[in-house]
Protein backbone atom coordinates (compact mmCIF):
# COMPACT_ATOMS: atom_id res chain seq x y z
CA UNK A 1 -46.96 165.82 13.62
CA UNK A 2 -45.80 169.14 14.20
CA UNK A 3 -43.44 171.47 11.93
CA UNK A 4 -42.48 173.96 14.70
CA UNK A 5 -38.95 173.82 16.06
CA UNK A 6 -38.44 171.47 19.08
CA UNK A 7 -38.62 172.76 22.54
CA UNK A 8 -34.84 171.23 23.18
CA UNK A 9 -33.67 173.27 20.00
CA UNK A 10 -33.56 170.68 17.33
CA UNK A 11 -33.19 171.87 13.78
CA UNK A 12 -36.22 174.22 12.55
CA UNK A 13 -36.87 172.08 9.50
CA UNK A 14 -37.09 168.63 11.51
CA UNK A 15 -40.70 167.51 12.33
CA UNK A 16 -41.81 166.31 15.89
CA UNK A 17 -44.51 164.09 17.07
CA UNK A 18 -46.25 164.54 20.17
CA UNK A 19 -48.56 161.93 21.99
CA UNK A 20 -49.92 162.28 25.51
CA UNK A 21 -48.70 159.92 28.08
CA UNK A 22 -46.53 159.40 31.05
CA UNK A 23 -42.59 158.76 31.02
CA UNK A 24 -41.43 156.64 34.03
CA UNK A 25 -37.69 156.89 34.43
CA UNK A 26 -35.73 154.75 37.11
CA UNK A 27 -32.51 155.99 38.56
CA UNK A 28 -29.81 154.24 40.37
CA UNK A 29 -27.13 156.31 42.40
CA UNK A 30 -28.43 159.43 40.26
CA UNK A 31 -27.83 157.36 36.88
CA UNK A 32 -30.74 156.67 34.74
CA UNK A 33 -30.97 153.02 34.13
CA UNK A 34 -34.41 152.62 32.45
CA UNK A 35 -37.30 154.59 30.87
CA UNK A 36 -40.72 153.36 30.25
CA UNK A 37 -43.27 155.42 28.06
CA UNK A 38 -46.85 154.65 28.99
CA UNK A 39 -49.14 156.21 26.14
CA UNK A 40 -52.62 157.54 27.21
CA UNK A 41 -54.12 158.93 24.41
CA UNK A 42 -56.08 162.12 24.41
CA UNK A 43 -58.94 160.38 26.30
CA UNK A 44 -57.54 157.37 28.46
CA UNK A 45 -59.57 154.48 28.72
CA UNK A 46 -59.94 152.20 31.67
CA UNK A 47 -57.58 149.84 30.24
CA UNK A 48 -54.91 152.79 29.73
CA UNK A 49 -55.69 153.48 33.59
CA UNK A 50 -54.95 149.74 34.45
CA UNK A 51 -51.78 149.65 32.38
CA UNK A 52 -50.40 152.88 34.06
CA UNK A 53 -51.44 151.75 37.57
CA UNK A 54 -49.54 148.45 36.74
CA UNK A 55 -46.43 150.37 35.63
CA UNK A 56 -46.30 152.59 38.71
CA UNK A 57 -46.72 149.46 40.92
CA UNK A 58 -43.55 147.99 39.36
CA UNK A 59 -41.79 151.29 39.60
CA UNK A 60 -42.47 151.61 43.19
CA UNK A 61 -41.35 148.04 44.04
CA UNK A 62 -38.11 148.64 41.97
CA UNK A 63 -37.40 151.73 43.95
CA UNK A 64 -37.98 149.75 47.30
CA UNK A 65 -35.35 147.24 45.95
CA UNK A 66 -37.85 144.39 45.68
CA UNK A 67 -39.44 142.54 42.64
CA UNK A 68 -42.93 141.68 42.63
CA UNK A 69 -44.85 139.82 39.92
CA UNK A 70 -48.28 141.40 39.42
């Protein structure tokens, strides 16, 4: 936890939490329709890598307008 002010301008007395990871955002006609957070931790494991690869694969299929089951 961090007691510094947020980069986005939240009140100075508000606490923030940061955790390494990747945010995958899906847009349709310029509008945000879904966000998925993939936590990776400070030292990603092979399991973390596989979870990220699966999510990126799903995002690419979604972008192509197709749905694929893993």
